[in-house]
Amino acid sequence: MYTLYAIPNCDTVKKARVWLADQGITYQFHDYKKQGVSREIIEHWLTQKSWEDLVNKAGTTWKKLEEKPTDEASAVVLMLEKPSVIRRPLIESNGKIVALGFKPDEYEKTFK
């Protein structure tokens, strides 16, 4: 079973969800805005990806920040306070990140 972590109104997430639906891939949707994300989950992701990979530096939330994180500790605080700064979608299966962001060719390899 897959868990897709994201926010529902993100265009990239919408594209990923359509792609997954077209392929018949089921997942549980975890809405950062409504359900939040715990320090434990973020720290687990950081065992697999760097904070630079997890933070969406192309997004509006990042661009509006007056102070940007410069290390993992400050990035964790930011992700807890503003989960919309986390790159999305993040798809996890059995505790392992299997996809981060959406690129159809990478999804083709990951989910086939």
PDB file of N, CA and C in Angstrom:
ATOM      1  N   MET A   1       0.849  -1.190   0.000  1.00  0.00           N
ATOM      2  CA  MET A   1       0.000   0.000   0.000  1.00  0.00           C
ATOM      3  C   MET A   1       0.885   1.240   0.000  1.00  0.00           C
ATOM      4  N   TYR A   2       0.471   2.188  -0.780  1.00  0.00           N
ATOM      5  CA  TYR A   2       1.188   3.456  -0.887  1.00  0.00           C
ATOM      6  C   TYR A   2       0.474   4.528  -0.074  1.00  0.00           C
ATOM      7  N   THR A   3       1.257   5.458   0.458  1.00  0.00           N
ATOM      8  CA  THR A   3       0.709   6.666   1.070  1.00  0.00           C
ATOM      9  C   THR A   3       1.280   7.838   0.305  1.00  0.00           C
ATOM     10  N   LEU A   4       0.399   8.692  -0.169  1.00  0.00           N
ATOM     11  CA  LEU A   4       0.786   9.878  -0.920  1.00  0.00           C
ATOM     12  C   LEU A   4       0.627  11.079   0.014  1.00  0.00           C
ATOM     13  N   TYR A   5       1.749  11.701   0.360  1.00  0.00           N
ATOM     14  CA  TYR A   5       1.754  12.872   1.225  1.00  0.00           C
ATOM     15  C   TYR A   5       1.776  14.114   0.346  1.00  0.00           C
ATOM     16  N   ALA A   6       0.830  15.019   0.594  1.00  0.00           N
ATOM     17  CA  ALA A   6       0.754  16.210  -0.257  1.00  0.00           C
ATOM     18  C   ALA A   6      -0.326  17.157   0.251  1.00  0.00           C
ATOM     19  N   ILE A   7      -0.591  18.166  -0.559  1.00  0.00           N
ATOM     20  CA  ILE A   7      -1.751  19.025  -0.366  1.00  0.00           C
ATOM     21  C   ILE A   7      -2.592  18.892  -1.635  1.00  0.00           C
ATOM     22  N   PRO A   8      -3.912  18.846  -1.494  1.00  0.00           N
ATOM     23  CA  PRO A   8      -4.756  18.495  -2.637  1.00  0.00           C
ATOM     24  C   PRO A   8      -4.814  19.518  -3.765  1.00  0.00           C
ATOM     25  N   ASN A   9      -4.598  20.797  -3.486  1.00  0.00           N
ATOM     26  CA  ASN A   9      -4.771  21.806  -4.525  1.00  0.00           C
ATOM     27  C   ASN A   9      -3.508  22.100  -5.334  1.00  0.00           C
ATOM     28  N   CYS A  10      -2.442  21.357  -5.108  1.00  0.00           N
ATOM     29  CA  CYS A  10      -1.190  21.542  -5.842  1.00  0.00           C
ATOM     30  C   CYS A  10      -1.322  20.945  -7.251  1.00  0.00           C
ATOM     31  N   ASP A  11      -0.947  21.704  -8.267  1.00  0.00           N
ATOM     32  CA  ASP A  11      -1.053  21.221  -9.648  1.00  0.00           C
ATOM     33  C   ASP A  11      -0.220  19.972  -9.902  1.00  0.00           C
ATOM     34  N   THR A  12       0.976  19.919  -9.337  1.00  0.00           N
ATOM     35  CA  THR A  12       1.835  18.745  -9.515  1.00  0.00           C
ATOM     36  C   THR A  12       1.188  17.517  -8.884  1.00  0.00           C
ATOM     37  N   VAL A  13       0.591  17.700  -7.730  1.00  0.00           N
ATOM     38  CA  VAL A  13      -0.093  16.596  -7.047  1.00  0.00           C
ATOM     39  C   VAL A  13      -1.282  16.129  -7.873  1.00  0.00           C
ATOM     40  N   LYS A  14      -2.018  17.064  -8.436  1.00  0.00           N
ATOM     41  CA  LYS A  14      -3.164  16.698  -9.274  1.00  0.00           C
ATOM     42  C   LYS A  14      -2.714  15.839 -10.455  1.00  0.00           C
ATOM     43  N   LYS A  15      -1.613  16.215 -11.087  1.00  0.00           N
ATOM     44  CA  LYS A  15      -1.085  15.432 -12.217  1.00  0.00           C
ATOM     45  C   LYS A  15      -0.668  14.038 -11.764  1.00  0.00           C
ATOM     46  N   ALA A  16      -0.007  13.962 -10.633  1.00  0.00           N
ATOM     47  CA  ALA A  16       0.433  12.669 -10.102  1.00  0.00           C
ATOM     48  C   ALA A  16      -0.767  11.792  -9.778  1.00  0.00           C
ATOM     49  N   ARG A  17      -1.800  12.365  -9.191  1.00  0.00           N
ATOM     50  CA  ARG A  17      -2.987  11.589  -8.824  1.00  0.00           C
ATOM     51  C   ARG A  17      -3.705  11.073 -10.065  1.00  0.00           C
ATOM     52  N   VAL A  18      -3.768  11.886 -11.104  1.00  0.00           N
ATOM     53  CA  VAL A  18      -4.378  11.434 -12.359  1.00  0.00           C
ATOM     54  C   VAL A  18      -3.552  10.285 -12.942  1.00  0.00           C
ATOM     55  N   TRP A  19      -2.244  10.432 -12.953  1.00  0.00           N
ATOM     56  CA  TRP A  19      -1.368   9.386 -13.490  1.00  0.00           C
ATOM     57  C   TRP A  19      -1.576   8.085 -12.720  1.00  0.00           C
ATOM     58  N   LEU A  20      -1.574   8.159 -11.391  1.00  0.00           N
ATOM     59  CA  LEU A  20      -1.763   6.966 -10.560  1.00  0.00           C
ATOM     60  C   LEU A  20      -3.130   6.329 -10.817  1.00  0.00           C
ATOM     61  N   ALA A  21      -4.160   7.144 -10.922  1.00  0.00           N
ATOM     62  CA  ALA A  21      -5.509   6.623 -11.194  1.00  0.00           C
ATOM     63  C   ALA A  21      -5.568   5.946 -12.562  1.00  0.00           C
ATOM     64  N   ASP A  22      -4.947   6.564 -13.559  1.00  0.00           N
ATOM     65  CA  ASP A  22      -4.932   5.980 -14.911  1.00  0.00           C
ATOM     66  C   ASP A  22      -4.230   4.629 -14.938  1.00  0.00           C
ATOM     67  N   GLN A  23      -3.278   4.435 -14.021  1.00  0.00           N
ATOM     68  CA  GLN A  23      -2.533   3.171 -13.956  1.00  0.00           C
ATOM     69  C   GLN A  23      -3.195   2.165 -13.013  1.00  0.00           C
ATOM     70  N   GLY A  24      -4.268   2.582 -12.361  1.00  0.00           N
ATOM     71  CA  GLY A  24      -4.965   1.701 -11.424  1.00  0.00           C
ATOM     72  C   GLY A  24      -4.199   1.489 -10.119  1.00  0.00           C
ATOM     73  N   ILE A  25      -3.360   2.436  -9.759  1.00  0.00           N
ATOM     74  CA  ILE A  25      -2.557   2.324  -8.542  1.00  0.00           C
ATOM     75  C   ILE A  25      -3.313   2.989  -7.391  1.00  0.00           C
ATOM     76  N   THR A  26      -3.577   2.213  -6.358  1.00  0.00           N
ATOM     77  CA  THR A  26      -4.304   2.745  -5.212  1.00  0.00           C
ATOM     78  C   THR A  26      -3.327   3.250  -4.155  1.00  0.00           C
ATOM     79  N   TYR A  27      -3.791   4.221  -3.398  1.00  0.00           N
ATOM     80  CA  TYR A  27      -2.961   4.827  -2.364  1.00  0.00           C
ATOM     81  C   TYR A  27      -3.864   5.487  -1.339  1.00  0.00           C
ATOM     82  N   GLN A  28      -3.299   5.745  -0.203  1.00  0.00           N
ATOM     83  CA  GLN A  28      -3.957   6.512   0.836  1.00  0.00           C
ATOM     84  C   GLN A  28      -3.425   7.934   0.726  1.00  0.00           C
ATOM     85  N   PHE A  29      -4.313   8.923   0.750  1.00  0.00           N
ATOM     86  CA  PHE A  29      -3.904  10.318   0.638  1.00  0.00           C
ATOM     87  C   PHE A  29      -3.738  10.920   2.033  1.00  0.00           C
ATOM     88  N   HIS A  30      -2.582  11.505   2.296  1.00  0.00           N
ATOM     89  CA  HIS A  30      -2.318  12.180   3.565  1.00  0.00           C
ATOM     90  C   HIS A  30      -2.179  13.664   3.272  1.00  0.00           C
ATOM     91  N   ASP A  31      -3.138  14.436   3.714  1.00  0.00           N
ATOM     92  CA  ASP A  31      -3.184  15.881   3.471  1.00  0.00           C
ATOM     93  C   ASP A  31      -2.403  16.614   4.562  1.00  0.00           C
ATOM     94  N   TYR A  32      -1.263  17.188   4.178  1.00  0.00           N
ATOM     95  CA  TYR A  32      -0.435  17.937   5.128  1.00  0.00           C
ATOM     96  C   TYR A  32      -1.221  19.034   5.836  1.00  0.00           C
ATOM     97  N   LYS A  33      -2.074  19.711   5.090  1.00  0.00           N
ATOM     98  CA  LYS A  33      -2.787  20.857   5.647  1.00  0.00           C
ATOM     99  C   LYS A  33      -3.765  20.411   6.737  1.00  0.00           C
ATOM    100  N   LYS A  34      -4.477  19.312   6.494  1.00  0.00           N
ATOM    101  CA  LYS A  34      -5.493  18.859   7.451  1.00  0.00           C
ATOM    102  C   LYS A  34      -4.935  17.908   8.497  1.00  0.00           C
ATOM    103  N   GLN A  35      -4.047  17.012   8.082  1.00  0.00           N
ATOM    104  CA  GLN A  35      -3.560  15.984   8.992  1.00  0.00           C
ATOM    105  C   GLN A  35      -2.194  16.302   9.598  1.00  0.00           C
ATOM    106  N   GLY A  36      -1.514  17.283   9.037  1.00  0.00           N
ATOM    107  CA  GLY A  36      -0.194  17.636   9.529  1.00  0.00           C
ATOM    108  C   GLY A  36       0.837  16.563   9.214  1.00  0.00           C
ATOM    109  N   VAL A  37       2.010  16.751   9.758  1.00  0.00           N
ATOM    110  CA  VAL A  37       3.091  15.775   9.602  1.00  0.00           C
ATOM    111  C   VAL A  37       3.934  15.863  10.872  1.00  0.00           C
ATOM    112  N   SER A  38       4.321  14.721  11.387  1.00  0.00           N
ATOM    113  CA  SER A  38       5.031  14.700  12.668  1.00  0.00           C
ATOM    114  C   SER A  38       6.545  14.796  12.485  1.00  0.00           C
ATOM    115  N   ARG A  39       7.212  15.197  13.555  1.00  0.00           N
ATOM    116  CA  ARG A  39       8.669  15.233  13.577  1.00  0.00           C
ATOM    117  C   ARG A  39       9.210  13.829  13.306  1.00  0.00           C
ATOM    118  N   GLU A  40       8.560  12.823  13.871  1.00  0.00           N
ATOM    119  CA  GLU A  40       9.000  11.440  13.682  1.00  0.00           C
ATOM    120  C   GLU A  40       8.996  11.047  12.201  1.00  0.00           C
ATOM    121  N   ILE A  41       7.947  11.409  11.495  1.00  0.00           N
ATOM    122  CA  ILE A  41       7.862  11.088  10.057  1.00  0.00           C
ATOM    123  C   ILE A  41       8.955  11.823   9.282  1.00  0.00           C
ATOM    124  N   ILE A  42       9.105  13.114   9.543  1.00  0.00           N
ATOM    125  CA  ILE A  42      10.123  13.897   8.842  1.00  0.00           C
ATOM    126  C   ILE A  42      11.514  13.339   9.121  1.00  0.00           C
ATOM    127  N   GLU A  43      11.784  13.034  10.375  1.00  0.00           N
ATOM    128  CA  GLU A  43      13.104  12.489  10.710  1.00  0.00           C
ATOM    129  C   GLU A  43      13.335  11.128  10.059  1.00  0.00           C
ATOM    130  N   HIS A  44      12.277  10.343   9.913  1.00  0.00           N
ATOM    131  CA  HIS A  44      12.400   9.064   9.203  1.00  0.00           C
ATOM    132  C   HIS A  44      12.733   9.318   7.728  1.00  0.00           C
ATOM    133  N   TRP A  45      12.059  10.281   7.106  1.00  0.00           N
ATOM    134  CA  TRP A  45      12.353  10.608   5.705  1.00  0.00           C
ATOM    135  C   TRP A  45      13.799  11.060   5.552  1.00  0.00           C
ATOM    136  N   LEU A  46      14.301  11.763   6.558  1.00  0.00           N
ATOM    137  CA  LEU A  46      15.670  12.271   6.499  1.00  0.00           C
ATOM    138  C   LEU A  46      16.716  11.161   6.593  1.00  0.00           C
ATOM    139  N   THR A  47      16.299   9.960   6.941  1.00  0.00           N
ATOM    140  CA  THR A  47      17.225   8.824   6.892  1.00  0.00           C
ATOM    141  C   THR A  47      17.366   8.321   5.453  1.00  0.00           C
ATOM    142  N   GLN A  48      16.475   8.806   4.574  1.00  0.00           N
ATOM    143  CA  GLN A  48      16.468   8.353   3.183  1.00  0.00           C
ATOM    144  C   GLN A  48      16.819   9.456   2.183  1.00  0.00           C
ATOM    145  N   LYS A  49      16.491  10.667   2.519  1.00  0.00           N
ATOM    146  CA  LYS A  49      16.725  11.820   1.642  1.00  0.00           C
ATOM    147  C   LYS A  49      17.298  12.966   2.463  1.00  0.00           C
ATOM    148  N   SER A  50      18.056  13.822   1.820  1.00  0.00           N
ATOM    149  CA  SER A  50      18.584  14.994   2.521  1.00  0.00           C
ATOM    150  C   SER A  50      17.472  16.036   2.690  1.00  0.00           C
ATOM    151  N   TRP A  51      17.685  16.953   3.620  1.00  0.00           N
ATOM    152  CA  TRP A  51      16.683  18.004   3.795  1.00  0.00           C
ATOM    153  C   TRP A  51      16.564  18.849   2.539  1.00  0.00           C
ATOM    154  N   GLU A  52      17.674  18.992   1.799  1.00  0.00           N
ATOM    155  CA  GLU A  52      17.629  19.757   0.552  1.00  0.00           C
ATOM    156  C   GLU A  52      16.729  19.080  -0.475  1.00  0.00           C
ATOM    157  N   ASP A  53      16.677  17.743  -0.471  1.00  0.00           N
ATOM    158  CA  ASP A  53      15.783  17.013  -1.374  1.00  0.00           C
ATOM    159  C   ASP A  53      14.324  17.150  -0.941  1.00  0.00           C
ATOM    160  N   LEU A  54      14.091  17.170   0.356  1.00  0.00           N
ATOM    161  CA  LEU A  54      12.718  17.204   0.874  1.00  0.00           C
ATOM    162  C   LEU A  54      12.070  18.576   0.771  1.00  0.00           C
ATOM    163  N   VAL A  55      12.863  19.633   0.792  1.00  0.00           N
ATOM    164  CA  VAL A  55      12.306  20.986   0.747  1.00  0.00           C
ATOM    165  C   VAL A  55      12.125  21.425  -0.703  1.00  0.00           C
ATOM    166  N   ASN A  56      10.950  21.950  -0.983  1.00  0.00           N
ATOM    167  CA  ASN A  56      10.625  22.426  -2.325  1.00  0.00           C
ATOM    168  C   ASN A  56      11.068  23.885  -2.464  1.00  0.00           C
ATOM    169  N   LYS A  57      12.248  24.072  -3.010  1.00  0.00           N
ATOM    170  CA  LYS A  57      12.803  25.420  -3.136  1.00  0.00           C
ATOM    171  C   LYS A  57      12.229  26.195  -4.319  1.00  0.00           C
ATOM    172  N   ALA A  58      11.429  25.527  -5.135  1.00  0.00           N
ATOM    173  CA  ALA A  58      10.800  26.206  -6.273  1.00  0.00           C
ATOM    174  C   ALA A  58       9.417  26.742  -5.916  1.00  0.00           C
ATOM    175  N   GLY A  59       8.927  26.378  -4.741  1.00  0.00           N
ATOM    176  CA  GLY A  59       7.564  26.743  -4.362  1.00  0.00           C
ATOM    177  C   GLY A  59       7.421  28.123  -3.768  1.00  0.00           C
ATOM    178  N   THR A  60       6.186  28.575  -3.731  1.00  0.00           N
ATOM    179  CA  THR A  60       5.845  29.892  -3.201  1.00  0.00           C
ATOM    180  C   THR A  60       6.200  30.012  -1.725  1.00  0.00           C
ATOM    181  N   THR A  61       5.937  28.962  -0.956  1.00  0.00           N
ATOM    182  CA  THR A  61       6.216  29.024   0.481  1.00  0.00           C
ATOM    183  C   THR A  61       7.695  29.302   0.722  1.00  0.00           C
ATOM    184  N   TRP A  62       8.561  28.603   0.010  1.00  0.00           N
ATOM    185  CA  TRP A  62      10.012  28.807   0.145  1.00  0.00           C
ATOM    186  C   TRP A  62      10.393  30.224  -0.262  1.00  0.00           C
ATOM    187  N   LYS A  63       9.880  30.661  -1.384  1.00  0.00           N
ATOM    188  CA  LYS A  63      10.262  31.971  -1.925  1.00  0.00           C
ATOM    189  C   LYS A  63       9.850  33.125  -1.006  1.00  0.00           C
ATOM    190  N   LYS A  64       8.782  32.928  -0.243  1.00  0.00           N
ATOM    191  CA  LYS A  64       8.296  33.981   0.649  1.00  0.00           C
ATOM    192  C   LYS A  64       9.024  34.019   1.988  1.00  0.00           C
ATOM    193  N   LEU A  65       9.842  33.023   2.263  1.00  0.00           N
ATOM    194  CA  LEU A  65      10.537  32.975   3.556  1.00  0.00           C
ATOM    195  C   LEU A  65      11.556  34.100   3.688  1.00  0.00           C
ATOM    196  N   GLU A  66      11.535  34.765   4.819  1.00  0.00           N
ATOM    197  CA  GLU A  66      12.554  35.783   5.086  1.00  0.00           C
ATOM    198  C   GLU A  66      13.854  35.110   5.490  1.00  0.00           C
ATOM    199  N   GLU A  67      13.743  34.080   6.334  1.00  0.00           N
ATOM    200  CA  GLU A  67      14.913  33.317   6.758  1.00  0.00           C
ATOM    201  C   GLU A  67      14.762  31.889   6.263  1.00  0.00           C
ATOM    202  N   LYS A  68      15.719  31.458   5.475  1.00  0.00           N
ATOM    203  CA  LYS A  68      15.678  30.109   4.923  1.00  0.00           C
ATOM    204  C   LYS A  68      16.593  29.199   5.743  1.00  0.00           C
ATOM    205  N   PRO A  69      16.212  27.937   5.904  1.00  0.00           N
ATOM    206  CA  PRO A  69      17.056  27.026   6.676  1.00  0.00           C
ATOM    207  C   PRO A  69      18.401  26.805   5.998  1.00  0.00           C
ATOM    208  N   THR A  70      19.393  26.585   6.825  1.00  0.00           N
ATOM    209  CA  THR A  70      20.742  26.340   6.308  1.00  0.00           C
ATOM    210  C   THR A  70      21.284  24.990   6.766  1.00  0.00           C
ATOM    211  N   ASP A  71      20.471  24.281   7.562  1.00  0.00           N
ATOM    212  CA  ASP A  71      20.888  22.963   8.033  1.00  0.00           C
ATOM    213  C   ASP A  71      19.649  22.099   8.281  1.00  0.00           C
ATOM    214  N   GLU A  72      19.908  20.841   8.595  1.00  0.00           N
ATOM    215  CA  GLU A  72      18.818  19.895   8.776  1.00  0.00           C
ATOM    216  C   GLU A  72      17.888  20.286   9.928  1.00  0.00           C
ATOM    217  N   ALA A  73      18.448  20.699  11.047  1.00  0.00           N
ATOM    218  CA  ALA A  73      17.633  21.046  12.217  1.00  0.00           C
ATOM    219  C   ALA A  73      16.656  22.178  11.912  1.00  0.00           C
ATOM    220  N   SER A  74      17.138  23.226  11.259  1.00  0.00           N
ATOM    221  CA  SER A  74      16.246  24.352  10.940  1.00  0.00           C
ATOM    222  C   SER A  74      15.252  23.967   9.845  1.00  0.00           C
ATOM    223  N   ALA A  75      15.637  23.061   8.962  1.00  0.00           N
ATOM    224  CA  ALA A  75      14.714  22.584   7.919  1.00  0.00           C
ATOM    225  C   ALA A  75      13.577  21.765   8.531  1.00  0.00           C
ATOM    226  N   VAL A  76      13.882  20.957   9.539  1.00  0.00           N
ATOM    227  CA  VAL A  76      12.848  20.171  10.221  1.00  0.00           C
ATOM    228  C   VAL A  76      11.831  21.111  10.868  1.00  0.00           C
ATOM    229  N   VAL A  77      12.309  22.125  11.545  1.00  0.00           N
ATOM    230  CA  VAL A  77      11.412  23.104  12.182  1.00  0.00           C
ATOM    231  C   VAL A  77      10.515  23.741  11.125  1.00  0.00           C
ATOM    232  N   LEU A  78      11.098  24.135  10.008  1.00  0.00           N
ATOM    233  CA  LEU A  78      10.327  24.748   8.928  1.00  0.00           C
ATOM    234  C   LEU A  78       9.268  23.783   8.391  1.00  0.00           C
ATOM    235  N   MET A  79       9.645  22.528   8.137  1.00  0.00           N
ATOM    236  CA  MET A  79       8.687  21.547   7.604  1.00  0.00           C
ATOM    237  C   MET A  79       7.545  21.286   8.578  1.00  0.00           C
ATOM    238  N   LEU A  80       7.840  21.337   9.874  1.00  0.00           N
ATOM    239  CA  LEU A  80       6.778  21.159  10.876  1.00  0.00           C
ATOM    240  C   LEU A  80       5.848  22.367  10.909  1.00  0.00           C
ATOM    241  N   GLU A  81       6.416  23.563  10.809  1.00  0.00           N
ATOM    242  CA  GLU A  81       5.617  24.792  10.863  1.00  0.00           C
ATOM    243  C   GLU A  81       4.862  25.053   9.567  1.00  0.00           C
ATOM    244  N   LYS A  82       5.500  24.737   8.434  1.00  0.00           N
ATOM    245  CA  LYS A  82       4.913  25.014   7.125  1.00  0.00           C
ATOM    246  C   LYS A  82       5.062  23.777   6.236  1.00  0.00           C
ATOM    247  N   PRO A  83       4.211  22.763   6.448  1.00  0.00           N
ATOM    248  CA  PRO A  83       4.370  21.520   5.681  1.00  0.00           C
ATOM    249  C   PRO A  83       4.228  21.697   4.171  1.00  0.00           C
ATOM    250  N   SER A  84       3.657  22.806   3.741  1.00  0.00           N
ATOM    251  CA  SER A  84       3.547  23.023   2.295  1.00  0.00           C
ATOM    252  C   SER A  84       4.906  23.272   1.649  1.00  0.00           C
ATOM    253  N   VAL A  85       5.959  23.437   2.456  1.00  0.00           N
ATOM    254  CA  VAL A  85       7.307  23.603   1.911  1.00  0.00           C
ATOM    255  C   VAL A  85       7.927  22.240   1.541  1.00  0.00           C
ATOM    256  N   ILE A  86       7.300  21.142   1.972  1.00  0.00           N
ATOM    257  CA  ILE A  86       7.822  19.817   1.646  1.00  0.00           C
ATOM    258  C   ILE A  86       7.515  19.505   0.183  1.00  0.00           C
ATOM    259  N   ARG A  87       8.525  19.026  -0.532  1.00  0.00           N
ATOM    260  CA  ARG A  87       8.340  18.675  -1.939  1.00  0.00           C
ATOM    261  C   ARG A  87       7.226  17.646  -2.039  1.00  0.00           C
ATOM    262  N   ARG A  88       6.407  17.802  -3.044  1.00  0.00           N
ATOM    263  CA  ARG A  88       5.257  16.937  -3.193  1.00  0.00           C
ATOM    264  C   ARG A  88       5.013  16.565  -4.645  1.00  0.00           C
ATOM    265  N   PRO A  89       4.340  15.464  -4.802  1.00  0.00           N
ATOM    266  CA  PRO A  89       3.956  14.523  -3.764  1.00  0.00           C
ATOM    267  C   PRO A  89       5.146  13.689  -3.296  1.00  0.00           C
ATOM    268  N   LEU A  90       5.059  13.259  -2.076  1.00  0.00           N
ATOM    269  CA  LEU A  90       6.010  12.299  -1.531  1.00  0.00           C
ATOM    270  C   LEU A  90       5.214  11.013  -1.364  1.00  0.00           C
ATOM    271  N   ILE A  91       5.668   9.962  -2.005  1.00  0.00           N
ATOM    272  CA  ILE A  91       4.956   8.688  -1.931  1.00  0.00           C
ATOM    273  C   ILE A  91       5.827   7.688  -1.191  1.00  0.00           C
ATOM    274  N   GLU A  92       5.207   7.055  -0.206  1.00  0.00           N
ATOM    275  CA  GLU A  92       5.911   6.127   0.656  1.00  0.00           C
ATOM    276  C   GLU A  92       5.222   4.763   0.597  1.00  0.00           C
ATOM    277  N   SER A  93       6.009   3.718   0.696  1.00  0.00           N
ATOM    278  CA  SER A  93       5.471   2.362   0.784  1.00  0.00           C
ATOM    279  C   SER A  93       6.316   1.586   1.787  1.00  0.00           C
ATOM    280  N   ASN A  94       5.655   1.020   2.768  1.00  0.00           N
ATOM    281  CA  ASN A  94       6.351   0.251   3.814  1.00  0.00           C
ATOM    282  C   ASN A  94       7.506   1.030   4.441  1.00  0.00           C
ATOM    283  N   GLY A  95       7.274   2.311   4.696  1.00  0.00           N
ATOM    284  CA  GLY A  95       8.280   3.134   5.355  1.00  0.00           C
ATOM    285  C   GLY A  95       9.388   3.639   4.453  1.00  0.00           C
ATOM    286  N   LYS A  96       9.307   3.351   3.169  1.00  0.00           N
ATOM    287  CA  LYS A  96      10.357   3.765   2.240  1.00  0.00           C
ATOM    288  C   LYS A  96       9.800   4.778   1.237  1.00  0.00           C
ATOM    289  N   ILE A  97      10.546   5.867   1.031  1.00  0.00           N
ATOM    290  CA  ILE A  97      10.145   6.839   0.007  1.00  0.00           C
ATOM    291  C   ILE A  97      10.383   6.202  -1.358  1.00  0.00           C
ATOM    292  N   VAL A  98       9.312   6.085  -2.140  1.00  0.00           N
ATOM    293  CA  VAL A  98       9.451   5.497  -3.477  1.00  0.00           C
ATOM    294  C   VAL A  98       9.379   6.547  -4.578  1.00  0.00           C
ATOM    295  N   ALA A  99       8.840   7.731  -4.257  1.00  0.00           N
ATOM    296  CA  ALA A  99       8.766   8.812  -5.239  1.00  0.00           C
ATOM    297  C   ALA A  99       8.714  10.143  -4.516  1.00  0.00           C
ATOM    298  N   LEU A 100       9.368  11.126  -5.105  1.00  0.00           N
ATOM    299  CA  LEU A 100       9.381  12.483  -4.560  1.00  0.00           C
ATOM    300  C   LEU A 100       9.231  13.434  -5.732  1.00  0.00           C
ATOM    301  N   GLY A 101       8.132  14.180  -5.750  1.00  0.00           N
ATOM    302  CA  GLY A 101       7.815  15.006  -6.908  1.00  0.00           C
ATOM    303  C   GLY A 101       7.073  14.167  -7.930  1.00  0.00           C
ATOM    304  N   PHE A 102       6.862  14.716  -9.123  1.00  0.00           N
ATOM    305  CA  PHE A 102       6.179  13.959 -10.167  1.00  0.00           C
ATOM    306  C   PHE A 102       6.879  14.150 -11.499  1.00  0.00           C
ATOM    307  N   LYS A 103       7.375  13.050 -12.020  1.00  0.00           N
ATOM    308  CA  LYS A 103       7.917  12.977 -13.369  1.00  0.00           C
ATOM    309  C   LYS A 103       7.383  11.674 -13.966  1.00  0.00           C
ATOM    310  N   PRO A 104       6.548  11.770 -14.991  1.00  0.00           N
ATOM    311  CA  PRO A 104       5.912  10.567 -15.533  1.00  0.00           C
ATOM    312  C   PRO A 104       6.894   9.440 -15.869  1.00  0.00           C
ATOM    313  N   ASP A 105       8.051   9.768 -16.442  1.00  0.00           N
ATOM    314  CA  ASP A 105       8.992   8.708 -16.815  1.00  0.00           C
ATOM    315  C   ASP A 105       9.545   7.992 -15.578  1.00  0.00           C
ATOM    316  N   GLU A 106       9.756   8.734 -14.483  1.00  0.00           N
ATOM    317  CA  GLU A 106      10.217   8.100 -13.245  1.00  0.00           C
ATOM    318  C   GLU A 106       9.108   7.271 -12.608  1.00  0.00           C
ATOM    319  N   TYR A 107       7.878   7.759 -12.669  1.00  0.00           N
ATOM    320  CA  TYR A 107       6.754   6.983 -12.139  1.00  0.00           C
ATOM    321  C   TYR A 107       6.593   5.679 -12.915  1.00  0.00           C
ATOM    322  N   GLU A 108       6.804   5.750 -14.231  1.00  0.00           N
ATOM    323  CA  GLU A 108       6.726   4.562 -15.085  1.00  0.00           C
ATOM    324  C   GLU A 108       7.666   3.482 -14.558  1.00  0.00           C
ATOM    325  N   LYS A 109       8.889   3.852 -14.227  1.00  0.00           N
ATOM    326  CA  LYS A 109       9.889   2.900 -13.726  1.00  0.00           C
ATOM    327  C   LYS A 109       9.538   2.417 -12.317  1.00  0.00           C
ATOM    328  N   THR A 110       9.077   3.337 -11.478  1.00  0.00           N
ATOM    329  CA  THR A 110       8.814   3.024 -10.063  1.00  0.00           C
ATOM    330  C   THR A 110       7.594   2.129  -9.884  1.00  0.00           C
ATOM    331  N   PHE A 111       6.539   2.397 -10.625  1.00  0.00           N
ATOM    332  CA  PHE A 111       5.267   1.726 -10.375  1.00  0.00           C
ATOM    333  C   PHE A 111       4.948   0.594 -11.352  1.00  0.00           C
ATOM    334  N   LYS A 112       5.891   0.231 -12.191  1.00  0.00           N
ATOM    335  CA  LYS A 112       5.634  -0.868 -13.154  1.00  0.00           C
ATOM    336  C   LYS A 112       6.382  -2.105 -12.782  1.00  0.00           C
TER     337      LYS A 112
END
